[in-house]
């Protein structure tokens, strides 16, 4: 199956976008995969080496977040190669995504990817998350393979908007029993969602956390 057809099939299974939009979305996502693959050969941005595996393990996995995110301003903490932020930004151009990454090499890739893809709704912040204090905060703060839950909330909770709707969302593999038990009591786990990325057999979970009163200026 071609990359485009693999993406089209995944977008349909995730009910992502209107049917008439999916061919355009698949083409844009494929452009990102091919650009990531080109850089990955030299800079080793991700351990996933084959573009067809990037479709399932990176793109479709990232897009399982779509039904969970509220609002239009989102931060991707420890974005790495732009996951999940860039796939989300491509599929939802009405959202504004801020990609926070401290590694200079990865920031260089993110900057070039935004130029290559002409992404106007993405901002790159090359900084450690605990040192980033934006003037306008975020509806959702996301992490994917960034840190355990306690470290994630401690370093990123200050990015949450002062709103009842703001949330922290962590993407995890298997159900993170130990991490949930170690989460400080001031953070409320609102829900734990088991999600399935098309073509990916591995277990995936989304941990949705209310920031509580721990936000600071």
C-alpha atoms as a PDB file:
ATOM      1  CA  UNK A   1       0.000   0.000   0.000  1.00  0.00           C
ATOM      2  CA  UNK A   2       1.346   3.450  -0.912  1.00  0.00           C
ATOM      3  CA  UNK A   3       1.959   6.056   1.788  1.00  0.00           C
ATOM      4  CA  UNK A   4      -0.943   8.129   0.454  1.00  0.00           C
ATOM      5  CA  UNK A   5      -3.374   5.212   0.568  1.00  0.00           C
ATOM      6  CA  UNK A   6      -2.116   4.214   4.005  1.00  0.00           C
ATOM      7  CA  UNK A   7      -2.787   7.751   5.217  1.00  0.00           C
ATOM      8  CA  UNK A   8      -6.180   7.920   3.506  1.00  0.00           C
ATOM      9  CA  UNK A   9      -7.227   4.649   5.125  1.00  0.00           C
ATOM     10  CA  UNK A  10      -6.056   5.862   8.548  1.00  0.00           C
ATOM     11  CA  UNK A  11      -7.784   9.238   8.224  1.00  0.00           C
ATOM     12  CA  UNK A  12     -11.031   7.491   7.310  1.00  0.00           C
ATOM     13  CA  UNK A  13     -10.817   5.103  10.267  1.00  0.00           C
ATOM     14  CA  UNK A  14     -10.170   8.017  12.624  1.00  0.00           C
ATOM     15  CA  UNK A  15     -13.030   9.997  11.014  1.00  0.00           C
ATOM     16  CA  UNK A  16     -10.499  12.765  10.526  1.00  0.00           C
ATOM     17  CA  UNK A  17     -11.671  15.584   8.265  1.00  0.00           C
ATOM     18  CA  UNK A  18     -14.495  15.548   5.769  1.00  0.00           C
ATOM     19  CA  UNK A  19     -14.272  12.836   3.068  1.00  0.00           C
ATOM     20  CA  UNK A  20     -13.641  15.434   0.367  1.00  0.00           C
ATOM     21  CA  UNK A  21     -10.737  16.896   2.399  1.00  0.00           C
ATOM     22  CA  UNK A  22      -8.856  13.680   3.101  1.00  0.00           C
ATOM     23  CA  UNK A  23      -6.896  13.450  -0.133  1.00  0.00           C
ATOM     24  CA  UNK A  24      -5.459  16.930   0.479  1.00  0.00           C
ATOM     25  CA  UNK A  25      -4.728  16.113   4.129  1.00  0.00           C
ATOM     26  CA  UNK A  26      -3.022  12.854   3.156  1.00  0.00           C
ATOM     27  CA  UNK A  27      -0.822  14.705   0.664  1.00  0.00           C
ATOM     28  CA  UNK A  28       0.211  17.244   3.312  1.00  0.00           C
ATOM     29  CA  UNK A  29       0.950  14.558   5.902  1.00  0.00           C
ATOM     30  CA  UNK A  30       2.934  12.581   3.336  1.00  0.00           C
ATOM     31  CA  UNK A  31       5.000  15.695   2.579  1.00  0.00           C
ATOM     32  CA  UNK A  32       5.866  15.922   6.286  1.00  0.00           C
ATOM     33  CA  UNK A  33       6.806  12.231   6.479  1.00  0.00           C
ATOM     34  CA  UNK A  34       9.109  12.467   3.470  1.00  0.00           C
ATOM     35  CA  UNK A  35      10.777  15.595   4.880  1.00  0.00           C
ATOM     36  CA  UNK A  36      11.223  13.887   8.270  1.00  0.00           C
ATOM     37  CA  UNK A  37      12.647  10.803   6.557  1.00  0.00           C
ATOM     38  CA  UNK A  38      15.157  12.946   4.640  1.00  0.00           C
ATOM     39  CA  UNK A  39      16.410  14.654   7.808  1.00  0.00           C
ATOM     40  CA  UNK A  40      16.288  11.455   9.824  1.00  0.00           C
ATOM     41  CA  UNK A  41      18.874   9.785   7.608  1.00  0.00           C
ATOM     42  CA  UNK A  42      21.433  12.393   8.673  1.00  0.00           C
ATOM     43  CA  UNK A  43      20.303  13.690  12.053  1.00  0.00           C
ATOM     44  CA  UNK A  44      18.650  10.650  13.680  1.00  0.00           C
ATOM     45  CA  UNK A  45      15.553  12.492  14.894  1.00  0.00           C
ATOM     46  CA  UNK A  46      13.468   9.368  15.487  1.00  0.00           C
ATOM     47  CA  UNK A  47      14.161   5.662  15.941  1.00  0.00           C
ATOM     48  CA  UNK A  48      11.397   4.877  13.435  1.00  0.00           C
ATOM     49  CA  UNK A  49      13.280   4.566  10.158  1.00  0.00           C
ATOM     50  CA  UNK A  50      10.707   3.495   7.556  1.00  0.00           C
ATOM     51  CA  UNK A  51       8.165   6.028   6.197  1.00  0.00           C
ATOM     52  CA  UNK A  52       5.366   3.444   6.215  1.00  0.00           C
ATOM     53  CA  UNK A  53       6.008   2.856   9.937  1.00  0.00           C
ATOM     54  CA  UNK A  54       6.021   6.616  10.539  1.00  0.00           C
ATOM     55  CA  UNK A  55       2.431   6.681   9.237  1.00  0.00           C
ATOM     56  CA  UNK A  56       1.155   4.414  12.004  1.00  0.00           C
ATOM     57  CA  UNK A  57       3.623   5.044  14.846  1.00  0.00           C
ATOM     58  CA  UNK A  58       3.852   8.814  14.430  1.00  0.00           C
ATOM     59  CA  UNK A  59       1.098  10.359  12.288  1.00  0.00           C
ATOM     60  CA  UNK A  60      -2.005   8.297  13.065  1.00  0.00           C
ATOM     61  CA  UNK A  61      -0.922   7.861  16.672  1.00  0.00           C
ATOM     62  CA  UNK A  62      -0.684  11.661  17.004  1.00  0.00           C
ATOM     63  CA  UNK A  63      -4.111  12.154  15.436  1.00  0.00           C
ATOM     64  CA  UNK A  64      -5.823  10.003  18.077  1.00  0.00           C
ATOM     65  CA  UNK A  65      -5.607  13.171  20.215  1.00  0.00           C
ATOM     66  CA  UNK A  66      -8.039  15.137  18.052  1.00  0.00           C
ATOM     67  CA  UNK A  67     -11.313  14.375  19.910  1.00  0.00           C
ATOM     68  CA  UNK A  68      -9.679  15.106  23.289  1.00  0.00           C
ATOM     69  CA  UNK A  69      -8.405  18.643  22.709  1.00  0.00           C
ATOM     70  CA  UNK A  70     -10.546  21.647  23.667  1.00  0.00           C
ATOM     71  CA  UNK A  71      -9.993  25.216  22.530  1.00  0.00           C
ATOM     72  CA  UNK A  72      -7.659  26.439  19.797  1.00  0.00           C
ATOM     73  CA  UNK A  73      -4.350  27.144  21.557  1.00  0.00           C
ATOM     74  CA  UNK A  74      -2.235  24.099  22.286  1.00  0.00           C
ATOM     75  CA  UNK A  75       1.347  23.489  23.423  1.00  0.00           C
ATOM     76  CA  UNK A  76       3.367  20.397  22.496  1.00  0.00           C
ATOM     77  CA  UNK A  77       5.966  19.879  25.233  1.00  0.00           C
ATOM     78  CA  UNK A  78       9.171  18.108  24.221  1.00  0.00           C
ATOM     79  CA  UNK A  79       8.009  18.136  20.624  1.00  0.00           C
ATOM     80  CA  UNK A  80      11.095  16.377  19.234  1.00  0.00           C
ATOM     81  CA  UNK A  81      10.474  15.876  15.523  1.00  0.00           C
ATOM     82  CA  UNK A  82       7.147  17.712  15.769  1.00  0.00           C
ATOM     83  CA  UNK A  83       4.994  14.965  17.238  1.00  0.00           C
ATOM     84  CA  UNK A  84       2.138  15.295  17.827  1.00  0.00           C
ATOM     85  CA  UNK A  85       2.141  19.048  17.097  1.00  0.00           C
ATOM     86  CA  UNK A  86       2.819  19.119  13.350  1.00  0.00           C
ATOM     87  CA  UNK A  87       0.273  16.446  12.332  1.00  0.00           C
ATOM     88  CA  UNK A  88      -2.340  18.216  14.478  1.00  0.00           C
ATOM     89  CA  UNK A  89      -1.472  21.592  12.934  1.00  0.00           C
ATOM     90  CA  UNK A  90      -1.735  20.162   9.411  1.00  0.00           C
ATOM     91  CA  UNK A  91      -5.144  18.627  10.048  1.00  0.00           C
ATOM     92  CA  UNK A  92      -6.497  21.596  12.042  1.00  0.00           C
ATOM     93  CA  UNK A  93      -5.225  24.844  10.470  1.00  0.00           C
ATOM     94  CA  UNK A  94      -7.673  26.753  12.697  1.00  0.00           C
ATOM     95  CA  UNK A  95      -5.659  25.717  15.765  1.00  0.00           C
ATOM     96  CA  UNK A  96      -2.487  27.433  16.924  1.00  0.00           C
ATOM     97  CA  UNK A  97       0.261  24.991  17.968  1.00  0.00           C
ATOM     98  CA  UNK A  98       3.362  25.959  19.971  1.00  0.00           C
ATOM     99  CA  UNK A  99       6.124  23.363  19.764  1.00  0.00           C
ATOM    100  CA  UNK A 100       8.486  23.488  22.757  1.00  0.00           C
ATOM    101  CA  UNK A 101      11.818  21.715  22.315  1.00  0.00           C
ATOM    102  CA  UNK A 102      15.161  22.330  24.026  1.00  0.00           C
ATOM    103  CA  UNK A 103      17.376  20.369  21.593  1.00  0.00           C
ATOM    104  CA  UNK A 104      18.946  22.729  19.040  1.00  0.00           C
ATOM    105  CA  UNK A 105      19.181  20.093  16.298  1.00  0.00           C
ATOM    106  CA  UNK A 106      15.521  19.216  16.648  1.00  0.00           C
ATOM    107  CA  UNK A 107      14.555  22.900  16.737  1.00  0.00           C
ATOM    108  CA  UNK A 108      16.404  23.397  13.456  1.00  0.00           C
ATOM    109  CA  UNK A 109      14.373  20.587  11.934  1.00  0.00           C
ATOM    110  CA  UNK A 110      11.102  21.997  13.294  1.00  0.00           C
ATOM    111  CA  UNK A 111      11.888  25.428  11.871  1.00  0.00           C
ATOM    112  CA  UNK A 112      12.708  24.014   8.426  1.00  0.00           C
ATOM    113  CA  UNK A 113       9.658  21.735   8.484  1.00  0.00           C
ATOM    114  CA  UNK A 114       7.391  24.731   9.089  1.00  0.00           C
ATOM    115  CA  UNK A 115       9.002  26.507   6.112  1.00  0.00           C
ATOM    116  CA  UNK A 116       8.741  23.406   3.912  1.00  0.00           C
ATOM    117  CA  UNK A 117       5.084  22.869   4.831  1.00  0.00           C
ATOM    118  CA  UNK A 118       4.219  26.600   4.859  1.00  0.00           C
ATOM    119  CA  UNK A 119       2.718  26.210   8.331  1.00  0.00           C
ATOM    120  CA  UNK A 120       1.414  29.555   9.533  1.00  0.00           C
ATOM    121  CA  UNK A 121      -0.278  28.213  12.668  1.00  0.00           C
ATOM    122  CA  UNK A 122       2.867  26.857  14.364  1.00  0.00           C
ATOM    123  CA  UNK A 123       5.352  28.606  16.644  1.00  0.00           C
ATOM    124  CA  UNK A 124       8.695  27.040  17.603  1.00  0.00           C
ATOM    125  CA  UNK A 125      10.104  27.684  21.082  1.00  0.00           C
ATOM    126  CA  UNK A 126      13.664  26.428  21.532  1.00  0.00           C
ATOM    127  CA  UNK A 127      13.709  26.385  25.324  1.00  0.00           C
ATOM    128  CA  UNK A 128      13.290  24.108  28.306  1.00  0.00           C
ATOM    129  CA  UNK A 129       9.594  24.046  29.159  1.00  0.00           C
ATOM    130  CA  UNK A 130      10.135  25.139  32.763  1.00  0.00           C
ATOM    131  CA  UNK A 131      11.860  28.293  31.496  1.00  0.00           C
ATOM    132  CA  UNK A 132       9.134  29.258  29.009  1.00  0.00           C
ATOM    133  CA  UNK A 133       6.593  31.787  30.273  1.00  0.00           C
ATOM    134  CA  UNK A 134       4.322  32.894  27.411  1.00  0.00           C
ATOM    135  CA  UNK A 135       2.201  36.009  27.612  1.00  0.00           C
ATOM    136  CA  UNK A 136      -0.815  34.018  26.416  1.00  0.00           C
ATOM    137  CA  UNK A 137      -1.264  30.560  27.877  1.00  0.00           C
ATOM    138  CA  UNK A 138      -2.788  27.398  26.428  1.00  0.00           C
ATOM    139  CA  UNK A 139      -6.074  25.527  26.403  1.00  0.00           C
ATOM    140  CA  UNK A 140      -4.266  22.182  26.283  1.00  0.00           C
ATOM    141  CA  UNK A 141      -0.685  21.236  27.126  1.00  0.00           C
ATOM    142  CA  UNK A 142       0.336  17.945  25.519  1.00  0.00           C
ATOM    143  CA  UNK A 143       3.228  15.546  26.031  1.00  0.00           C
ATOM    144  CA  UNK A 144       4.211  12.479  24.021  1.00  0.00           C
ATOM    145  CA  UNK A 145       7.131  10.427  25.332  1.00  0.00           C
ATOM    146  CA  UNK A 146       8.360  13.504  27.233  1.00  0.00           C
ATOM    147  CA  UNK A 147       8.558  12.396  30.885  1.00  0.00           C
ATOM    148  CA  UNK A 148       6.617  10.566  33.571  1.00  0.00           C
ATOM    149  CA  UNK A 149       3.355  12.160  34.651  1.00  0.00           C
ATOM    150  CA  UNK A 150       4.697  13.818  37.811  1.00  0.00           C
ATOM    151  CA  UNK A 151       7.618  15.424  35.954  1.00  0.00           C
ATOM    152  CA  UNK A 152       5.331  16.499  33.125  1.00  0.00           C
ATOM    153  CA  UNK A 153       2.801  18.297  35.286  1.00  0.00           C
ATOM    154  CA  UNK A 154       5.467  19.861  37.510  1.00  0.00           C
ATOM    155  CA  UNK A 155       7.348  21.353  34.570  1.00  0.00           C
ATOM    156  CA  UNK A 156       4.394  22.295  32.343  1.00  0.00           C
ATOM    157  CA  UNK A 157       1.371  23.158  34.507  1.00  0.00           C
ATOM    158  CA  UNK A 158       2.270  26.889  34.448  1.00  0.00           C
ATOM    159  CA  UNK A 159       1.487  26.873  30.698  1.00  0.00           C
ATOM    160  CA  UNK A 160      -2.208  26.119  31.291  1.00  0.00           C
ATOM    161  CA  UNK A 161      -4.641  28.973  30.811  1.00  0.00           C
ATOM    162  CA  UNK A 162      -6.528  30.174  33.869  1.00  0.00           C
ATOM    163  CA  UNK A 163      -9.716  28.506  32.736  1.00  0.00           C
ATOM    164  CA  UNK A 164     -11.929  25.660  33.910  1.00  0.00           C
ATOM    165  CA  UNK A 165     -11.513  24.135  30.451  1.00  0.00           C
ATOM    166  CA  UNK A 166      -7.703  23.962  30.335  1.00  0.00           C
ATOM    167  CA  UNK A 167      -6.114  20.517  30.561  1.00  0.00           C
ATOM    168  CA  UNK A 168      -2.822  18.647  30.493  1.00  0.00           C
ATOM    169  CA  UNK A 169      -2.881  15.570  28.241  1.00  0.00           C
ATOM    170  CA  UNK A 170      -0.162  12.922  28.341  1.00  0.00           C
ATOM    171  CA  UNK A 171       0.161  10.271  25.629  1.00  0.00           C
ATOM    172  CA  UNK A 172       1.251   6.923  27.065  1.00  0.00           C
ATOM    173  CA  UNK A 173       1.675   3.358  25.866  1.00  0.00           C
ATOM    174  CA  UNK A 174       0.463   0.756  28.338  1.00  0.00           C
ATOM    175  CA  UNK A 175      -1.749   1.821  31.241  1.00  0.00           C
ATOM    176  CA  UNK A 176       0.609   3.809  33.526  1.00  0.00           C
ATOM    177  CA  UNK A 177      -0.442   2.408  36.926  1.00  0.00           C
ATOM    178  CA  UNK A 178       2.735   3.376  38.794  1.00  0.00           C
ATOM    179  CA  UNK A 179       2.866   6.897  37.337  1.00  0.00           C
ATOM    180  CA  UNK A 180      -0.772   7.538  38.244  1.00  0.00           C
ATOM    181  CA  UNK A 181      -0.146   6.412  41.824  1.00  0.00           C
ATOM    182  CA  UNK A 182       2.832   8.791  42.121  1.00  0.00           C
ATOM    183  CA  UNK A 183       0.968  11.829  40.755  1.00  0.00           C
ATOM    184  CA  UNK A 184       0.671  14.537  43.441  1.00  0.00           C
ATOM    185  CA  UNK A 185      -2.861  14.758  44.908  1.00  0.00           C
ATOM    186  CA  UNK A 186      -3.449  18.351  43.796  1.00  0.00           C
ATOM    187  CA  UNK A 187      -3.759  17.159  40.196  1.00  0.00           C
ATOM    188  CA  UNK A 188      -7.056  15.524  39.276  1.00  0.00           C
ATOM    189  CA  UNK A 189      -6.965  12.773  36.658  1.00  0.00           C
ATOM    190  CA  UNK A 190     -10.170  13.541  34.817  1.00  0.00           C
ATOM    191  CA  UNK A 191     -10.094  10.470  32.589  1.00  0.00           C
ATOM    192  CA  UNK A 192      -7.872   7.793  31.116  1.00  0.00           C
ATOM    193  CA  UNK A 193      -8.772   6.932  27.536  1.00  0.00           C
ATOM    194  CA  UNK A 194      -7.639   3.837  25.681  1.00  0.00           C
ATOM    195  CA  UNK A 195      -7.174   4.768  22.022  1.00  0.00           C
ATOM    196  CA  UNK A 196      -6.359   2.775  18.912  1.00  0.00           C
ATOM    197  CA  UNK A 197      -4.219   4.140  16.082  1.00  0.00           C
ATOM    198  CA  UNK A 198      -5.078   2.369  12.808  1.00  0.00           C
ATOM    199  CA  UNK A 199      -2.420  -0.221  12.012  1.00  0.00           C
ATOM    200  CA  UNK A 200      -0.801   0.008  15.440  1.00  0.00           C
ATOM    201  CA  UNK A 201      -1.273  -3.020  17.691  1.00  0.00           C
ATOM    202  CA  UNK A 202       0.469  -1.562  20.731  1.00  0.00           C
ATOM    203  CA  UNK A 203      -1.653  -0.278  23.609  1.00  0.00           C
ATOM    204  CA  UNK A 204      -2.091   3.499  23.756  1.00  0.00           C
ATOM    205  CA  UNK A 205      -3.640   5.635  26.499  1.00  0.00           C
ATOM    206  CA  UNK A 206      -4.384   9.340  26.897  1.00  0.00           C
ATOM    207  CA  UNK A 207      -4.210  10.716  30.439  1.00  0.00           C
ATOM    208  CA  UNK A 208      -6.324  13.870  30.832  1.00  0.00           C
ATOM    209  CA  UNK A 209      -5.403  15.939  33.896  1.00  0.00           C
ATOM    210  CA  UNK A 210      -7.006  19.030  35.411  1.00  0.00           C
ATOM    211  CA  UNK A 211      -4.307  21.545  36.429  1.00  0.00           C
ATOM    212  CA  UNK A 212      -6.093  22.500  39.639  1.00  0.00           C
ATOM    213  CA  UNK A 213      -4.714  25.497  41.554  1.00  0.00           C
ATOM    214  CA  UNK A 214      -1.052  24.849  40.806  1.00  0.00           C
ATOM    215  CA  UNK A 215      -0.800  27.263  37.870  1.00  0.00           C
ATOM    216  CA  UNK A 216       1.528  30.220  38.386  1.00  0.00           C
ATOM    217  CA  UNK A 217       2.415  33.337  36.447  1.00  0.00           C
END
